[in-house]
Amino acid sequence: MWEPNGVLSIEPYSSKSVGQQSHKHIVQEFLAMLYKSLLFCLAAVLLTPAHSDAKEYQFIPARCEEQPGVAQQIGGPLSICSFPPDYSKPDSEDIQAVIKHIKSLQLN
């Protein structure tokens, strides 16, 4: 503490009482923070499902055919799949474009 004459005076204190108060204060702060964190996590867990709608997906069966002779060209099998309602298949020009693109990737 500074005295009026500009000299710093040191006053003795009881380290035991200050240490206990400090420790008690730290424990109280920790417990308060832990309590707030638990409440926040609980609120997040409980409120998240309430705001999201469950999505349902319908299984759509596909018809897949392996393309014969393509495995030697691209280094593996190529399956072309078609989907409902009309199960339309790509023409040979589209299939050749896919094969050309796969070859251009130069996968090793």
N, C-alpha and C. Protein backbone atom coordinates (compact mmCIF):
# COMPACT_ATOMS: atom_id res chain seq x y z
N MET A 1 0.85 -1.16 0.00
CA MET A 1 0.00 0.00 0.00
C MET A 1 0.90 1.23 0.00
N TRP A 2 0.51 2.23 -0.79
CA TRP A 2 1.27 3.48 -0.86
C TRP A 2 0.84 4.40 0.27
N GLU A 3 1.82 4.93 0.93
CA GLU A 3 1.54 5.88 2.00
C GLU A 3 1.68 7.30 1.46
N PRO A 4 1.14 8.31 2.17
CA PRO A 4 1.19 9.69 1.66
C PRO A 4 2.60 10.20 1.39
N ASN A 5 3.60 9.70 2.06
CA ASN A 5 4.96 10.18 1.84
C ASN A 5 5.62 9.49 0.64
N GLY A 6 4.88 8.66 -0.09
CA GLY A 6 5.41 8.02 -1.29
C GLY A 6 6.16 6.74 -1.04
N VAL A 7 6.12 6.25 0.18
CA VAL A 7 6.83 5.02 0.52
C VAL A 7 5.86 3.85 0.44
N LEU A 8 6.33 2.77 -0.09
CA LEU A 8 5.51 1.56 -0.18
C LEU A 8 5.66 0.79 1.11
N SER A 9 4.54 0.53 1.76
CA SER A 9 4.60 -0.26 2.99
C SER A 9 3.97 -1.62 2.72
N ILE A 10 4.56 -2.62 3.28
CA ILE A 10 4.07 -3.98 3.13
C ILE A 10 3.40 -4.38 4.42
N GLU A 11 2.13 -4.80 4.31
CA GLU A 11 1.39 -5.19 5.50
C GLU A 11 1.32 -6.71 5.56
N PRO A 12 1.50 -7.25 6.73
CA PRO A 12 1.41 -8.71 6.85
C PRO A 12 -0.04 -9.17 6.69
N TYR A 13 -0.19 -10.37 6.16
CA TYR A 13 -1.53 -10.95 6.02
C TYR A 13 -1.46 -12.42 6.38
N SER A 14 -2.58 -12.96 6.63
CA SER A 14 -2.64 -14.37 6.97
C SER A 14 -2.79 -15.15 5.66
N SER A 15 -1.75 -15.84 5.24
CA SER A 15 -1.77 -16.57 3.98
C SER A 15 -2.79 -17.71 4.01
N LYS A 16 -3.06 -18.22 5.20
CA LYS A 16 -3.99 -19.33 5.32
C LYS A 16 -5.41 -18.88 4.98
N SER A 17 -5.84 -17.74 5.51
CA SER A 17 -7.21 -17.29 5.25
C SER A 17 -7.37 -16.86 3.79
N VAL A 18 -6.39 -16.18 3.22
CA VAL A 18 -6.48 -15.75 1.83
C VAL A 18 -6.44 -16.96 0.91
N GLY A 19 -5.60 -17.93 1.21
CA GLY A 19 -5.51 -19.14 0.39
C GLY A 19 -6.79 -19.93 0.41
N GLN A 20 -7.42 -20.02 1.58
CA GLN A 20 -8.67 -20.77 1.68
C GLN A 20 -9.79 -20.04 0.93
N GLN A 21 -9.83 -18.73 1.06
CA GLN A 21 -10.85 -17.97 0.34
C GLN A 21 -10.63 -18.11 -1.16
N SER A 22 -9.40 -18.03 -1.58
CA SER A 22 -9.08 -18.14 -2.99
C SER A 22 -9.46 -19.52 -3.52
N HIS A 23 -9.10 -20.55 -2.77
CA HIS A 23 -9.41 -21.92 -3.19
C HIS A 23 -10.92 -22.14 -3.23
N LYS A 24 -11.61 -21.63 -2.22
CA LYS A 24 -13.07 -21.78 -2.17
C LYS A 24 -13.71 -21.06 -3.35
N HIS A 25 -13.20 -19.88 -3.67
CA HIS A 25 -13.73 -19.11 -4.80
C HIS A 25 -13.49 -19.85 -6.12
N ILE A 26 -12.33 -20.43 -6.28
CA ILE A 26 -12.01 -21.18 -7.51
C ILE A 26 -12.93 -22.39 -7.65
N VAL A 27 -13.15 -23.10 -6.57
CA VAL A 27 -14.04 -24.27 -6.61
C VAL A 27 -15.46 -23.84 -6.95
N GLN A 28 -15.92 -22.74 -6.36
CA GLN A 28 -17.28 -22.25 -6.65
C GLN A 28 -17.41 -21.86 -8.13
N GLU A 29 -16.40 -21.18 -8.65
CA GLU A 29 -16.43 -20.80 -10.07
C GLU A 29 -16.44 -22.03 -10.97
N PHE A 30 -15.63 -23.02 -10.61
CA PHE A 30 -15.56 -24.25 -11.40
C PHE A 30 -16.91 -24.97 -11.40
N LEU A 31 -17.52 -25.09 -10.22
CA LEU A 31 -18.82 -25.77 -10.13
C LEU A 31 -19.90 -25.00 -10.89
N ALA A 32 -19.86 -23.68 -10.81
CA ALA A 32 -20.84 -22.87 -11.55
C ALA A 32 -20.66 -23.05 -13.05
N MET A 33 -19.41 -23.07 -13.51
CA MET A 33 -19.15 -23.26 -14.93
C MET A 33 -19.55 -24.67 -15.38
N LEU A 34 -19.28 -25.66 -14.55
CA LEU A 34 -19.66 -27.03 -14.86
C LEU A 34 -21.18 -27.16 -14.94
N TYR A 35 -21.87 -26.54 -14.01
CA TYR A 35 -23.34 -26.57 -13.99
C TYR A 35 -23.91 -25.91 -15.25
N LYS A 36 -23.36 -24.75 -15.63
CA LYS A 36 -23.83 -24.06 -16.83
C LYS A 36 -23.54 -24.89 -18.08
N SER A 37 -22.38 -25.52 -18.14
CA SER A 37 -22.03 -26.34 -19.29
C SER A 37 -22.96 -27.54 -19.42
N LEU A 38 -23.26 -28.18 -18.29
CA LEU A 38 -24.18 -29.32 -18.33
C LEU A 38 -25.57 -28.90 -18.77
N LEU A 39 -26.05 -27.76 -18.27
CA LEU A 39 -27.36 -27.26 -18.70
C LEU A 39 -27.37 -26.93 -20.19
N PHE A 40 -26.30 -26.32 -20.67
CA PHE A 40 -26.22 -25.98 -22.09
C PHE A 40 -26.23 -27.24 -22.96
N CYS A 41 -25.44 -28.24 -22.58
CA CYS A 41 -25.40 -29.50 -23.34
C CYS A 41 -26.74 -30.21 -23.31
N LEU A 42 -27.37 -30.23 -22.15
CA LEU A 42 -28.68 -30.86 -22.03
C LEU A 42 -29.70 -30.15 -22.90
N ALA A 43 -29.68 -28.83 -22.90
CA ALA A 43 -30.61 -28.06 -23.74
C ALA A 43 -30.35 -28.33 -25.22
N ALA A 44 -29.07 -28.40 -25.60
CA ALA A 44 -28.74 -28.66 -27.00
C ALA A 44 -29.22 -30.04 -27.43
N VAL A 45 -29.03 -31.03 -26.57
CA VAL A 45 -29.45 -32.40 -26.90
C VAL A 45 -30.96 -32.49 -26.99
N LEU A 46 -31.66 -31.84 -26.09
CA LEU A 46 -33.12 -31.92 -26.08
C LEU A 46 -33.78 -31.08 -27.17
N LEU A 47 -33.19 -29.95 -27.53
CA LEU A 47 -33.82 -29.06 -28.49
C LEU A 47 -33.47 -29.36 -29.94
N THR A 48 -32.34 -29.99 -30.18
CA THR A 48 -31.95 -30.27 -31.56
C THR A 48 -32.94 -31.18 -32.28
N PRO A 49 -33.33 -32.32 -31.72
CA PRO A 49 -34.29 -33.17 -32.43
C PRO A 49 -35.65 -32.50 -32.59
N ALA A 50 -36.00 -31.58 -31.72
CA ALA A 50 -37.31 -30.94 -31.79
C ALA A 50 -37.43 -30.04 -33.01
N HIS A 51 -36.31 -29.54 -33.52
CA HIS A 51 -36.35 -28.61 -34.65
C HIS A 51 -35.99 -29.26 -35.98
N SER A 52 -35.72 -30.52 -35.99
CA SER A 52 -35.40 -31.18 -37.25
C SER A 52 -36.44 -32.25 -37.55
N ASP A 53 -36.93 -32.21 -38.76
CA ASP A 53 -37.91 -33.20 -39.18
C ASP A 53 -37.19 -34.45 -39.65
N ALA A 54 -37.74 -35.59 -39.29
CA ALA A 54 -37.18 -36.85 -39.75
C ALA A 54 -37.49 -37.00 -41.23
N LYS A 55 -36.49 -37.38 -41.97
CA LYS A 55 -36.67 -37.56 -43.40
C LYS A 55 -36.88 -39.03 -43.70
N GLU A 56 -37.83 -39.28 -44.57
CA GLU A 56 -38.07 -40.65 -45.00
C GLU A 56 -37.63 -40.77 -46.45
N TYR A 57 -36.94 -41.83 -46.73
CA TYR A 57 -36.48 -42.08 -48.08
C TYR A 57 -37.15 -43.34 -48.62
N GLN A 58 -37.52 -43.26 -49.86
CA GLN A 58 -38.15 -44.41 -50.50
C GLN A 58 -37.08 -45.15 -51.29
N PHE A 59 -37.04 -46.45 -51.13
CA PHE A 59 -36.09 -47.26 -51.88
C PHE A 59 -36.57 -47.36 -53.32
N ILE A 60 -35.70 -46.99 -54.24
CA ILE A 60 -36.05 -47.07 -55.66
C ILE A 60 -35.17 -48.16 -56.28
N PRO A 61 -35.77 -49.23 -56.74
CA PRO A 61 -34.98 -50.31 -57.33
C PRO A 61 -34.43 -49.90 -58.70
N ALA A 62 -33.18 -50.19 -58.91
CA ALA A 62 -32.54 -49.88 -60.19
C ALA A 62 -32.25 -51.18 -60.92
N ARG A 63 -32.14 -51.07 -62.21
CA ARG A 63 -31.72 -52.20 -63.03
C ARG A 63 -30.33 -51.88 -63.55
N CYS A 64 -29.37 -52.69 -63.16
CA CYS A 64 -27.98 -52.44 -63.54
C CYS A 64 -27.49 -53.57 -64.45
N GLU A 65 -26.73 -53.17 -65.46
CA GLU A 65 -26.13 -54.14 -66.38
C GLU A 65 -24.66 -53.83 -66.51
N GLU A 66 -23.83 -54.87 -66.44
CA GLU A 66 -22.41 -54.69 -66.67
C GLU A 66 -22.18 -54.61 -68.16
N GLN A 67 -21.28 -53.72 -68.54
CA GLN A 67 -20.97 -53.54 -69.95
C GLN A 67 -19.84 -54.49 -70.34
N PRO A 68 -20.12 -55.44 -71.23
CA PRO A 68 -19.09 -56.41 -71.62
C PRO A 68 -17.99 -55.75 -72.44
N GLY A 69 -16.76 -56.18 -72.20
CA GLY A 69 -15.62 -55.70 -72.96
C GLY A 69 -15.05 -54.37 -72.49
N VAL A 70 -15.70 -53.71 -71.56
CA VAL A 70 -15.23 -52.40 -71.10
C VAL A 70 -14.13 -52.55 -70.06
N ALA A 71 -14.13 -53.64 -69.33
CA ALA A 71 -13.15 -53.85 -68.26
C ALA A 71 -11.72 -53.77 -68.78
N GLN A 72 -11.47 -54.29 -69.98
CA GLN A 72 -10.12 -54.23 -70.54
C GLN A 72 -9.73 -52.80 -70.93
N GLN A 73 -10.71 -52.00 -71.30
CA GLN A 73 -10.42 -50.63 -71.73
C GLN A 73 -10.13 -49.69 -70.57
N ILE A 74 -10.85 -49.86 -69.48
CA ILE A 74 -10.71 -48.90 -68.37
C ILE A 74 -10.07 -49.50 -67.12
N GLY A 75 -9.76 -50.78 -67.15
CA GLY A 75 -9.10 -51.40 -66.02
C GLY A 75 -10.03 -51.87 -64.92
N GLY A 76 -11.29 -52.04 -65.24
CA GLY A 76 -12.25 -52.52 -64.25
C GLY A 76 -13.65 -52.53 -64.84
N PRO A 77 -14.58 -53.13 -64.13
CA PRO A 77 -15.94 -53.25 -64.68
C PRO A 77 -16.68 -51.91 -64.70
N LEU A 78 -17.63 -51.83 -65.62
CA LEU A 78 -18.48 -50.65 -65.72
C LEU A 78 -19.93 -51.13 -65.74
N SER A 79 -20.69 -50.68 -64.76
CA SER A 79 -22.11 -51.02 -64.70
C SER A 79 -22.93 -49.78 -65.01
N ILE A 80 -23.91 -49.95 -65.86
CA ILE A 80 -24.84 -48.87 -66.19
C ILE A 80 -26.17 -49.20 -65.54
N CYS A 81 -26.69 -48.28 -64.75
CA CYS A 81 -27.95 -48.50 -64.04
C CYS A 81 -29.02 -47.58 -64.58
N SER A 82 -30.23 -48.09 -64.63
CA SER A 82 -31.38 -47.28 -65.04
C SER A 82 -32.41 -47.31 -63.92
N PHE A 83 -33.18 -46.24 -63.85
CA PHE A 83 -34.12 -46.07 -62.73
C PHE A 83 -35.54 -45.87 -63.25
N PRO A 84 -36.52 -46.16 -62.38
CA PRO A 84 -37.91 -45.95 -62.78
C PRO A 84 -38.19 -44.46 -62.96
N PRO A 85 -39.24 -44.10 -63.59
CA PRO A 85 -40.36 -44.94 -63.97
C PRO A 85 -40.17 -45.65 -65.31
N ASP A 86 -39.28 -45.15 -66.17
CA ASP A 86 -39.20 -45.78 -67.50
C ASP A 86 -37.97 -46.65 -67.70
N TYR A 87 -37.05 -46.66 -66.75
CA TYR A 87 -35.83 -47.46 -66.84
C TYR A 87 -35.11 -47.21 -68.17
N SER A 88 -35.04 -45.97 -68.60
CA SER A 88 -34.39 -45.68 -69.88
C SER A 88 -32.89 -45.88 -69.76
N LYS A 89 -32.30 -46.43 -70.80
CA LYS A 89 -30.86 -46.71 -70.82
C LYS A 89 -30.16 -45.67 -71.69
N PRO A 90 -28.91 -45.35 -71.35
CA PRO A 90 -28.17 -44.40 -72.19
C PRO A 90 -27.82 -45.05 -73.53
N ASP A 91 -27.66 -44.20 -74.53
CA ASP A 91 -27.27 -44.75 -75.83
C ASP A 91 -25.78 -45.03 -75.86
N SER A 92 -25.32 -45.70 -76.89
CA SER A 92 -23.92 -46.11 -76.97
C SER A 92 -22.98 -44.91 -77.03
N GLU A 93 -23.44 -43.79 -77.58
CA GLU A 93 -22.60 -42.59 -77.64
C GLU A 93 -22.30 -42.08 -76.24
N ASP A 94 -23.29 -42.08 -75.36
CA ASP A 94 -23.08 -41.65 -73.97
C ASP A 94 -22.15 -42.60 -73.24
N ILE A 95 -22.31 -43.89 -73.48
CA ILE A 95 -21.44 -44.88 -72.83
C ILE A 95 -20.00 -44.69 -73.29
N GLN A 96 -19.79 -44.45 -74.58
CA GLN A 96 -18.44 -44.23 -75.09
C GLN A 96 -17.84 -42.95 -74.52
N ALA A 97 -18.66 -41.93 -74.30
CA ALA A 97 -18.17 -40.68 -73.69
C ALA A 97 -17.71 -40.93 -72.26
N VAL A 98 -18.44 -41.76 -71.53
CA VAL A 98 -18.05 -42.10 -70.16
C VAL A 98 -16.74 -42.88 -70.17
N ILE A 99 -16.61 -43.83 -71.07
CA ILE A 99 -15.38 -44.63 -71.17
C ILE A 99 -14.20 -43.71 -71.51
N LYS A 100 -14.39 -42.80 -72.45
CA LYS A 100 -13.33 -41.86 -72.83
C LYS A 100 -12.93 -40.99 -71.64
N HIS A 101 -13.91 -40.54 -70.88
CA HIS A 101 -13.62 -39.70 -69.70
C HIS A 101 -12.84 -40.50 -68.65
N ILE A 102 -13.24 -41.73 -68.41
CA ILE A 102 -12.53 -42.56 -67.42
C ILE A 102 -11.09 -42.78 -67.86
N LYS A 103 -10.87 -43.02 -69.14
CA LYS A 103 -9.50 -43.20 -69.65
C LYS A 103 -8.68 -41.92 -69.46
N SER A 104 -9.31 -40.76 -69.62
CA SER A 104 -8.58 -39.49 -69.50
C SER A 104 -8.16 -39.18 -68.07
N LEU A 105 -8.79 -39.84 -67.10
CA LEU A 105 -8.44 -39.58 -65.70
C LEU A 105 -7.07 -40.12 -65.33
N GLN A 106 -6.57 -41.08 -66.05
CA GLN A 106 -5.26 -41.70 -65.82
C GLN A 106 -5.09 -42.14 -64.38
N LEU A 107 -6.01 -42.95 -63.93
CA LEU A 107 -5.95 -43.47 -62.56
C LEU A 107 -4.94 -44.60 -62.50
N ASN A 108 -4.07 -44.56 -61.51
CA ASN A 108 -3.07 -45.63 -61.36
C ASN A 108 -3.26 -46.32 -60.05
